[in-house]
Amino acid sequence: MSDHKAKLAFEIIARDNSRMLTAYLRTLVDDESVVDDLFQESMLVAWRRLDECDLSRPFGPWLRGIAGRLVLAHYRKRKSLPVFLNEALLTHVDQQFESISTRPGDTWDEKVVAIRECIAALSTSHRAAIEGRYFNELKISALAASLNISFEACKKRLVRARGLLAECLTRKGILVPSEARP
């Protein structure tokens, strides 16, 4: 493949995988500037090693493998490897991302759009519970206080909201029925 064609091919597959890679890195690193640095470094390493990539296989797992090794190297340099982070966890997280990527929907972005549409379709109270818990990362007690409901009512609302999201994603073909448990 010519250098020009290789560059175009890499741009396409990198663009298709960029949101997935960002989400993967955010799963493992909580500093946004470090996520940005690791994202860029992962893409650079992938570009340099593109000839090592088996293009008959999915690109996402290969790219996540590069990123995972860079995350481990980042923590080793800082001498602050989180207790939870090890090869087994990286493998598990990668498997979860792979299971998402093999679900219906051509691209990661289409899956994100489907999730956003399903969240938007929720009632105001269910949407507030999902957004407070998962987007604002509120603990259930803080979420209950912000919604002005009891702790138990908040837990029930979250269970119901997750169930409604799962039903919507199942209807859209993003989840298969056996995965649609809240």
Protein backbone atom coordinates (compact mmCIF):
# COMPACT_ATOMS: atom_id res chain seq x y z
CA MET A 1 0.00 0.00 0.00
CA SER A 2 1.36 3.45 -0.87
CA ASP A 3 2.19 5.88 1.93
CA HIS A 4 -0.68 8.13 0.83
CA LYS A 5 -3.21 5.27 0.87
CA ALA A 6 -1.85 4.04 4.20
CA LYS A 7 -2.23 7.53 5.66
CA LEU A 8 -5.83 7.82 4.40
CA ALA A 9 -6.69 4.34 5.69
CA PHE A 10 -5.17 5.14 9.07
CA GLU A 11 -7.08 8.44 9.28
CA ILE A 12 -10.35 6.64 8.61
CA ILE A 13 -9.85 3.84 11.13
CA ALA A 14 -8.36 6.22 13.71
CA ARG A 15 -11.35 8.55 13.36
CA ASP A 16 -13.77 5.62 13.65
CA ASN A 17 -12.02 4.47 16.85
CA SER A 18 -11.21 7.83 18.47
CA ARG A 19 -14.27 8.07 20.73
CA MET A 20 -13.89 4.45 21.82
CA LEU A 21 -10.22 5.04 22.65
CA THR A 22 -11.04 8.17 24.64
CA ALA A 23 -13.71 6.30 26.61
CA TYR A 24 -11.29 3.43 27.22
CA LEU A 25 -8.59 5.78 28.52
CA ARG A 26 -11.08 7.62 30.73
CA THR A 27 -11.96 4.26 32.26
CA LEU A 28 -8.35 3.84 33.38
CA VAL A 29 -7.13 7.40 34.05
CA ASP A 30 -8.97 10.18 35.86
CA ASP A 31 -6.81 13.13 34.77
CA GLU A 32 -8.20 14.59 31.52
CA SER A 33 -4.86 16.09 30.44
CA VAL A 34 -3.20 12.68 30.88
CA VAL A 35 -6.03 11.08 28.89
CA ASP A 36 -5.35 13.56 26.06
CA ASP A 37 -1.61 12.85 26.17
CA LEU A 38 -2.12 9.08 26.21
CA PHE A 39 -4.62 9.33 23.36
CA GLN A 40 -2.12 11.21 21.19
CA GLU A 41 0.72 8.89 22.14
CA SER A 42 -1.45 5.84 21.37
CA MET A 43 -2.26 7.19 17.92
CA LEU A 44 1.40 7.98 17.23
CA VAL A 45 2.52 4.51 18.27
CA ALA A 46 -0.28 2.96 16.19
CA TRP A 47 0.80 5.00 13.15
CA ARG A 48 4.44 3.99 13.60
CA ARG A 49 3.50 0.32 14.03
CA LEU A 50 0.73 0.18 11.44
CA ASP A 51 2.68 -2.34 9.38
CA GLU A 52 2.55 -4.71 12.42
CA CYS A 53 -1.26 -4.54 12.56
CA ASP A 54 -3.18 -7.43 11.04
CA LEU A 55 -5.76 -5.42 9.11
CA SER A 56 -7.89 -8.52 8.60
CA ARG A 57 -8.68 -8.31 12.34
CA PRO A 58 -10.52 -5.52 14.18
CA PHE A 59 -8.44 -2.40 14.76
CA GLY A 60 -10.01 -1.45 18.13
CA PRO A 61 -8.50 -4.26 20.25
CA TRP A 62 -5.05 -3.63 18.76
CA LEU A 63 -5.34 0.10 19.49
CA ARG A 64 -6.59 -0.57 23.04
CA GLY A 65 -3.63 -2.91 23.56
CA ILE A 66 -1.25 -0.09 22.69
CA ALA A 67 -3.14 2.34 24.93
CA GLY A 68 -3.25 -0.14 27.83
CA ARG A 69 0.52 -0.62 27.74
CA LEU A 70 0.99 3.17 27.65
CA VAL A 71 -1.33 3.57 30.66
CA LEU A 72 0.71 1.04 32.62
CA ALA A 73 3.95 2.79 31.59
CA HIS A 74 2.47 6.14 32.65
CA TYR A 75 1.68 4.85 36.14
CA ARG A 76 5.05 3.10 36.44
CA LYS A 77 6.86 6.35 35.60
CA ARG A 78 4.88 8.13 38.30
CA LYS A 79 5.53 5.21 40.67
CA SER A 80 1.87 5.31 41.55
CA LEU A 81 0.29 2.29 39.90
CA PRO A 82 -3.27 2.21 41.25
CA VAL A 83 -3.97 -0.90 43.28
CA PHE A 84 -6.81 -1.83 40.96
CA LEU A 85 -4.83 -1.57 37.72
CA ASN A 86 -3.15 -4.70 36.39
CA GLU A 87 -3.03 -6.79 33.23
CA ALA A 88 -6.10 -8.79 34.27
CA LEU A 89 -8.16 -5.60 34.65
CA LEU A 90 -6.91 -4.26 31.31
CA THR A 91 -7.95 -7.52 29.68
CA HIS A 92 -11.38 -7.36 31.32
CA VAL A 93 -11.95 -3.72 30.30
CA ASP A 94 -10.80 -4.52 26.77
CA GLN A 95 -13.26 -7.44 26.61
CA GLN A 96 -16.08 -5.13 27.70
CA PHE A 97 -15.18 -2.61 25.00
CA GLU A 98 -14.94 -5.41 22.45
CA SER A 99 -18.38 -6.69 23.39
CA ILE A 100 -19.73 -3.17 22.81
CA SER A 101 -17.99 -2.88 19.45
CA THR A 102 -19.44 -6.18 18.20
CA ARG A 103 -23.03 -5.14 18.92
CA PRO A 104 -25.26 -3.80 16.16
CA GLY A 105 -24.58 -0.26 14.99
CA ASP A 106 -21.81 0.37 12.55
CA THR A 107 -19.74 2.76 14.60
CA TRP A 108 -19.08 3.74 18.18
CA ASP A 109 -20.72 7.10 17.41
CA GLU A 110 -23.94 5.39 16.29
CA LYS A 111 -24.04 3.54 19.58
CA VAL A 112 -23.44 6.76 21.52
CA VAL A 113 -26.25 8.44 19.55
CA ALA A 114 -28.59 5.54 20.40
CA ILE A 115 -27.74 5.86 24.10
CA ARG A 116 -28.31 9.63 24.00
CA GLU A 117 -31.65 9.14 22.24
CA CYS A 118 -32.73 6.60 24.83
CA ILE A 119 -31.72 8.90 27.69
CA ALA A 120 -33.59 11.79 26.05
CA ALA A 121 -36.69 9.59 25.78
CA LEU A 122 -36.77 8.99 29.54
CA SER A 123 -39.16 10.91 31.76
CA THR A 124 -37.67 13.98 33.42
CA SER A 125 -37.34 12.21 36.78
CA HIS A 126 -35.67 9.12 35.33
CA ARG A 127 -33.35 11.22 33.13
CA ALA A 128 -32.35 13.35 36.14
CA ALA A 129 -31.49 10.19 38.09
CA ILE A 130 -29.34 8.78 35.25
CA GLU A 131 -27.59 12.09 34.57
CA GLY A 132 -26.95 12.77 38.26
CA ARG A 133 -25.56 9.31 38.94
CA TYR A 134 -23.59 8.62 35.78
CA PHE A 135 -22.77 11.99 34.24
CA ASN A 136 -22.32 14.00 37.44
CA GLU A 137 -21.01 10.94 39.34
CA LEU A 138 -23.13 11.65 42.41
CA LYS A 139 -23.29 9.02 45.12
CA ILE A 140 -26.81 7.74 45.68
CA SER A 141 -27.18 9.69 48.93
CA ALA A 142 -26.16 12.96 47.24
CA LEU A 143 -28.37 12.18 44.26
CA ALA A 144 -31.33 11.49 46.54
CA ALA A 145 -30.77 14.83 48.26
CA SER A 146 -30.50 16.68 44.94
CA LEU A 147 -33.73 15.05 43.74
CA ASN A 148 -35.38 15.68 47.10
CA ILE A 149 -36.36 12.02 47.53
CA SER A 150 -35.43 9.33 50.03
CA PHE A 151 -32.38 7.12 49.60
CA GLU A 152 -34.56 4.05 48.93
CA ALA A 153 -36.75 5.91 46.43
CA CYS A 154 -33.59 7.05 44.64
CA LYS A 155 -32.29 3.48 44.38
CA LYS A 156 -35.64 2.32 42.97
CA ARG A 157 -35.74 5.20 40.49
CA LEU A 158 -32.25 4.32 39.25
CA VAL A 159 -33.17 0.65 38.83
CA ARG A 160 -36.28 1.62 36.89
CA ALA A 161 -34.39 4.16 34.77
CA ARG A 162 -31.67 1.63 33.90
CA GLY A 163 -34.38 -0.89 33.00
CA LEU A 164 -36.06 1.63 30.69
CA LEU A 165 -32.71 2.43 29.08
CA ALA A 166 -32.03 -1.27 28.54
CA GLU A 167 -35.48 -1.74 26.96
CA CYS A 168 -34.88 1.19 24.61
CA LEU A 169 -31.39 -0.02 23.64
CA THR A 170 -32.79 -3.51 23.05
CA ARG A 171 -35.47 -2.08 20.74
CA LYS A 172 -32.75 -0.22 18.83
CA GLY A 173 -30.74 -3.43 18.52
CA ILE A 174 -27.80 -2.14 20.56
CA LEU A 175 -28.35 -4.66 23.39
CA VAL A 176 -29.37 -8.26 23.04
CA PRO A 177 -32.17 -9.33 25.43
CA SER A 178 -29.88 -11.40 27.71
CA GLU A 179 -27.74 -8.27 28.35
CA ALA A 180 -30.67 -5.99 29.03
CA ARG A 181 -30.74 -6.51 32.79
CA PRO A 182 -30.62 -3.23 34.77
